[in-house]
Amino acid sequence: MSGVNGKPSLSANGHLIEIRNLVKIYTVGSEKVHALSGVDLNIGSNEYVAIMGPSGSGKSTLMNLVGCLDTPTSGDYVLAGENVSKLGDSQLADIRNRRIGFVFQTFNLLARTSALHNVELPLIYAGLPAAERRKRAKEACIAVGLEDRMHHKPNELSGGQRQRVAIARALVTNPSIILADEPTGNLDSKTGAEIMQIFEKIFQNGNTIVLVTHEEDIARHTRRIVRLRDGLIESDALSTPH
């Protein structure tokens, strides 16, 4: 939800994301797995944060909770002033559609339709008129440097171009947060660097970006690195981009 001048609404404490004592326990057979064991984390508007940690540290679980793809076992998650930790599936879906843009390692594009139509999809779900959808989708494609490729299908695009389509799709709803899960994981280092330049531009334009990565050089593009281990925050430090 946007506040004055299109800026996202914030909590009473001025944070876009407020996480308090977040716990997530999965039951696997007869075993209980403590994926998160009481995480506290605040992220402000227009922050650029990397979430890092070894396999099993809880970073993917935290990403799923921040993205409203899952609900915590206990604790609170307040997004833009609204406690979403107690919401049901349909309410979480509405939050995702309005406030969160997702970028995944595997792109998740529809193969048989154009880049432009892939970008337009979230606006179709949001019920926008066709002319408005097309205008905004074109603007998002241009913003990520795809003005010459927007009518191509994914199999006619390189990996880097497909990820640009995915980023444009994430941007098209004007979300409060961009969540990027290993966004350069399927790309070579040169293409990955180009994608990180796009994220830098998005950040400079005022967006909040939360990026999950296991690559130190990718994390160093952000302004803050939060490291998880065994379901807890191990460190939370400012980063100097290289």
Protein backbone atom coordinates (compact mmCIF):
# COMPACT_ATOMS: atom_id res chain seq x y z
CA MET A 1 0.00 0.00 0.00
CA SER A 2 1.35 3.41 -0.88
CA GLY A 3 1.17 6.43 1.36
CA VAL A 4 1.68 10.10 0.54
CA ASN A 5 3.45 10.84 -2.76
CA GLY A 6 3.38 7.16 -3.70
CA LYS A 7 5.73 6.17 -0.88
CA PRO A 8 4.95 2.92 0.96
CA SER A 9 3.15 3.17 4.28
CA LEU A 10 5.42 2.56 7.25
CA SER A 11 4.92 1.21 10.74
CA ALA A 12 4.63 3.52 13.72
CA ASN A 13 8.38 3.08 14.20
CA GLY A 14 9.13 4.13 10.63
CA HIS A 15 10.02 0.67 9.29
CA LEU A 16 8.71 -0.96 6.13
CA ILE A 17 9.44 -4.43 7.55
CA GLU A 18 9.30 -5.25 11.26
CA ILE A 19 10.01 -8.82 12.35
CA ARG A 20 9.70 -9.73 16.02
CA ASN A 21 10.76 -13.09 17.53
CA LEU A 22 9.86 -14.96 14.34
CA VAL A 23 9.84 -18.74 14.73
CA LYS A 24 9.20 -21.34 12.03
CA ILE A 25 9.06 -25.04 12.87
CA TYR A 26 8.52 -27.68 10.20
CA THR A 27 7.41 -31.22 10.99
CA VAL A 28 9.30 -33.75 8.88
CA GLY A 29 8.03 -37.21 9.73
CA SER A 30 8.39 -37.53 13.48
CA GLU A 31 11.05 -34.81 13.63
CA LYS A 32 10.55 -31.11 14.25
CA VAL A 33 12.92 -28.84 12.33
CA HIS A 34 13.49 -25.37 13.79
CA ALA A 35 14.13 -23.38 10.59
CA LEU A 36 13.91 -20.02 12.42
CA SER A 37 14.41 -19.79 16.17
CA GLY A 38 13.39 -16.24 17.08
CA VAL A 39 14.52 -13.71 14.49
CA ASP A 40 14.29 -9.94 15.05
CA LEU A 41 14.83 -7.72 12.00
CA ASN A 42 13.85 -4.22 10.86
CA ILE A 43 14.17 -2.98 7.28
CA GLY A 44 13.36 0.60 6.36
CA SER A 45 11.98 2.04 3.16
CA ASN A 46 14.60 2.30 0.36
CA GLU A 47 17.04 -0.15 1.93
CA TYR A 48 19.10 -2.64 -0.08
CA VAL A 49 19.70 -5.72 2.05
CA ALA A 50 21.37 -9.07 1.38
CA ILE A 51 20.34 -12.14 3.38
CA MET A 52 23.19 -14.67 3.56
CA GLY A 53 23.92 -17.95 5.31
CA PRO A 54 24.95 -21.56 4.71
CA SER A 55 22.49 -24.22 3.59
CA GLY A 56 20.04 -24.86 6.42
CA SER A 57 20.63 -21.47 8.05
CA GLY A 58 17.03 -20.35 7.56
CA LYS A 59 17.54 -17.76 4.83
CA SER A 60 15.06 -19.34 2.39
CA THR A 61 12.51 -19.75 5.18
CA LEU A 62 12.93 -16.08 6.13
CA MET A 63 12.55 -15.09 2.47
CA ASN A 64 9.31 -17.10 2.20
CA LEU A 65 7.91 -15.42 5.31
CA VAL A 66 8.90 -11.91 4.19
CA GLY A 67 7.34 -12.67 0.80
CA CYS A 68 4.07 -13.84 2.43
CA LEU A 69 4.52 -17.26 0.80
CA ASP A 70 4.34 -18.90 4.23
CA THR A 71 3.23 -18.06 7.76
CA PRO A 72 5.33 -18.24 10.95
CA THR A 73 4.78 -20.72 13.76
CA SER A 74 4.96 -17.79 16.17
CA GLY A 75 6.14 -14.20 16.30
CA ASP A 76 5.05 -11.13 14.35
CA TYR A 77 5.75 -9.82 10.87
CA VAL A 78 4.53 -6.28 10.24
CA LEU A 79 4.71 -5.12 6.61
CA ALA A 80 3.99 -1.46 5.85
CA GLY A 81 2.20 -1.09 9.18
CA GLU A 82 0.05 -4.21 8.80
CA ASN A 83 0.61 -7.38 10.84
CA VAL A 84 0.53 -10.04 8.13
CA SER A 85 1.71 -12.94 10.31
CA LYS A 86 -1.85 -13.87 11.26
CA LEU A 87 -3.51 -13.52 7.85
CA GLY A 88 -5.11 -16.35 5.86
CA ASP A 89 -4.06 -17.60 2.42
CA SER A 90 -6.33 -15.33 0.37
CA GLN A 91 -5.28 -12.25 2.35
CA LEU A 92 -1.60 -13.18 1.95
CA ALA A 93 -2.13 -13.59 -1.80
CA ASP A 94 -3.59 -10.09 -1.93
CA ILE A 95 -0.58 -8.70 -0.02
CA ARG A 96 1.80 -10.46 -2.42
CA ASN A 97 0.01 -9.10 -5.48
CA ARG A 98 -0.06 -5.51 -4.22
CA ARG A 99 3.14 -5.07 -2.25
CA ILE A 100 5.80 -7.57 -3.27
CA GLY A 101 7.68 -8.14 -6.51
CA PHE A 102 9.51 -11.47 -6.83
CA VAL A 103 12.63 -12.28 -8.85
CA PHE A 104 13.73 -15.92 -8.83
CA GLN A 105 16.86 -17.76 -9.95
CA THR A 106 14.84 -19.77 -12.49
CA PHE A 107 13.03 -16.75 -14.05
CA ASN A 108 9.57 -18.49 -13.94
CA LEU A 109 8.40 -17.14 -17.30
CA LEU A 110 5.58 -18.45 -19.49
CA ALA A 111 7.34 -20.02 -22.48
CA ARG A 112 4.68 -19.52 -25.15
CA THR A 113 4.04 -15.82 -24.75
CA SER A 114 6.05 -12.66 -25.32
CA ALA A 115 8.26 -10.87 -22.83
CA LEU A 116 5.74 -8.02 -22.77
CA HIS A 117 2.85 -10.34 -21.92
CA ASN A 118 4.91 -12.02 -19.18
CA VAL A 119 5.49 -8.59 -17.64
CA GLU A 120 1.81 -7.72 -17.99
CA LEU A 121 0.54 -10.82 -16.13
CA PRO A 122 0.47 -9.39 -12.57
CA LEU A 123 -1.65 -6.49 -13.83
CA ILE A 124 -4.13 -8.91 -15.41
CA TYR A 125 -4.52 -10.59 -12.00
CA ALA A 126 -4.94 -7.12 -10.47
CA GLY A 127 -7.82 -6.39 -12.86
CA LEU A 128 -6.34 -3.34 -14.63
CA PRO A 129 -7.79 -2.29 -18.01
CA ALA A 130 -5.92 -3.58 -21.07
CA ALA A 131 -4.58 -0.21 -22.23
CA GLU A 132 -3.21 0.64 -18.78
CA ARG A 133 -1.65 -2.83 -18.46
CA ARG A 134 0.10 -2.55 -21.80
CA LYS A 135 1.40 0.96 -21.06
CA ARG A 136 2.84 -0.01 -17.69
CA ALA A 137 4.32 -3.26 -19.01
CA LYS A 138 6.10 -1.37 -21.81
CA GLU A 139 7.46 1.16 -19.32
CA ALA A 140 8.79 -1.67 -17.12
CA CYS A 141 10.47 -3.36 -20.10
CA ILE A 142 12.13 -0.09 -21.10
CA ALA A 143 13.30 0.46 -17.50
CA VAL A 144 15.33 -2.79 -17.62
CA GLY A 145 16.71 -2.23 -21.14
CA LEU A 146 14.39 -4.57 -23.06
CA GLU A 147 12.78 -2.07 -25.42
CA ASP A 148 14.06 -4.00 -28.48
CA ARG A 149 13.16 -7.47 -27.17
CA MET A 150 9.75 -7.08 -25.56
CA HIS A 151 7.94 -8.95 -28.36
CA HIS A 152 10.28 -11.96 -28.22
CA LYS A 153 9.39 -15.19 -26.42
CA PRO A 154 11.65 -16.45 -23.59
CA ASN A 155 13.30 -19.11 -25.79
CA GLU A 156 14.41 -16.29 -28.10
CA LEU A 157 16.15 -14.47 -25.25
CA SER A 158 19.45 -14.99 -23.45
CA GLY A 159 19.52 -15.89 -19.75
CA GLY A 160 20.30 -12.30 -18.83
CA GLN A 161 17.43 -11.01 -20.97
CA ARG A 162 15.04 -13.51 -19.37
CA GLN A 163 16.06 -12.27 -15.94
CA ARG A 164 15.43 -8.69 -17.11
CA VAL A 165 11.91 -9.78 -18.07
CA ALA A 166 11.46 -11.25 -14.59
CA ILE A 167 12.69 -8.02 -13.00
CA ALA A 168 10.33 -5.94 -15.16
CA ARG A 169 7.46 -8.23 -14.11
CA ALA A 170 8.40 -7.67 -10.46
CA LEU A 171 8.47 -3.89 -10.95
CA VAL A 172 5.25 -3.48 -12.93
CA THR A 173 2.92 -3.40 -9.91
CA ASN A 174 4.97 -0.66 -8.17
CA PRO A 175 5.57 -2.92 -5.14
CA SER A 176 6.80 -1.84 -1.71
CA ILE A 177 9.53 -4.51 -1.82
CA ILE A 178 11.48 -6.39 -4.46
CA LEU A 179 12.47 -9.86 -3.18
CA ALA A 180 15.25 -11.44 -5.22
CA ASP A 181 16.15 -15.10 -4.50
CA GLU A 182 19.60 -15.94 -5.96
CA PRO A 183 18.82 -13.71 -9.00
CA THR A 184 22.24 -14.30 -10.62
CA GLY A 185 22.48 -18.00 -9.77
CA ASN A 186 21.86 -19.22 -13.34
CA LEU A 187 23.98 -16.52 -15.03
CA ASP A 188 27.65 -16.16 -15.89
CA SER A 189 29.61 -13.56 -13.94
CA LYS A 190 29.49 -10.86 -16.65
CA THR A 191 25.73 -11.18 -17.10
CA GLY A 192 25.28 -11.37 -13.32
CA ALA A 193 27.12 -8.07 -12.98
CA GLU A 194 24.79 -6.49 -15.55
CA ILE A 195 21.74 -7.72 -13.60
CA MET A 196 23.19 -6.28 -10.39
CA GLN A 197 23.54 -2.91 -12.16
CA ILE A 198 19.79 -3.03 -12.83
CA PHE A 199 19.11 -3.72 -9.14
CA GLU A 200 21.34 -0.78 -8.24
CA LYS A 201 19.29 1.46 -10.53
CA ILE A 202 16.05 0.18 -8.96
CA PHE A 203 17.46 0.93 -5.49
CA GLN A 204 18.57 4.41 -6.56
CA ASN A 205 15.01 5.04 -7.77
CA GLY A 206 13.75 4.51 -4.22
CA ASN A 207 12.74 0.85 -4.03
CA THR A 208 13.43 -1.50 -1.13
CA ILE A 209 15.32 -4.63 -2.22
CA VAL A 210 15.85 -7.78 -0.16
CA LEU A 211 18.22 -10.18 -1.90
CA VAL A 212 19.03 -13.75 -0.87
CA THR A 213 22.40 -14.97 -2.08
CA HIS A 214 25.23 -17.30 -1.09
CA GLU A 215 27.74 -15.33 -3.18
CA GLU A 216 29.85 -12.77 -1.30
CA ASP A 217 30.59 -10.69 -4.40
CA ILE A 218 26.87 -10.39 -5.15
CA ALA A 219 26.08 -9.45 -1.53
CA ARG A 220 28.68 -6.67 -1.67
CA HIS A 221 26.51 -4.83 -4.19
CA THR A 222 23.99 -4.19 -1.40
CA ARG A 223 24.19 -1.67 1.47
CA ARG A 224 23.61 -4.09 4.35
CA ILE A 225 24.36 -7.78 4.88
CA VAL A 226 22.36 -9.89 7.34
CA ARG A 227 23.92 -13.31 8.01
CA LEU A 228 21.90 -16.22 9.40
CA ARG A 229 23.15 -19.37 11.07
CA ASP A 230 21.08 -22.12 12.68
CA GLY A 231 17.87 -20.11 12.42
CA LEU A 232 19.21 -16.99 14.11
CA ILE A 233 20.82 -13.75 12.92
CA GLU A 234 24.57 -14.14 13.36
CA SER A 235 25.50 -10.64 12.20
CA ASP A 236 23.89 -7.54 10.69
CA ALA A 237 26.33 -5.00 9.24
CA LEU A 238 26.47 -2.20 6.73
CA SER A 239 28.14 -2.98 3.43
CA THR A 240 30.23 -0.80 1.11
CA PRO A 241 29.41 -1.57 -2.54
CA HIS A 242 32.38 -2.47 -4.71
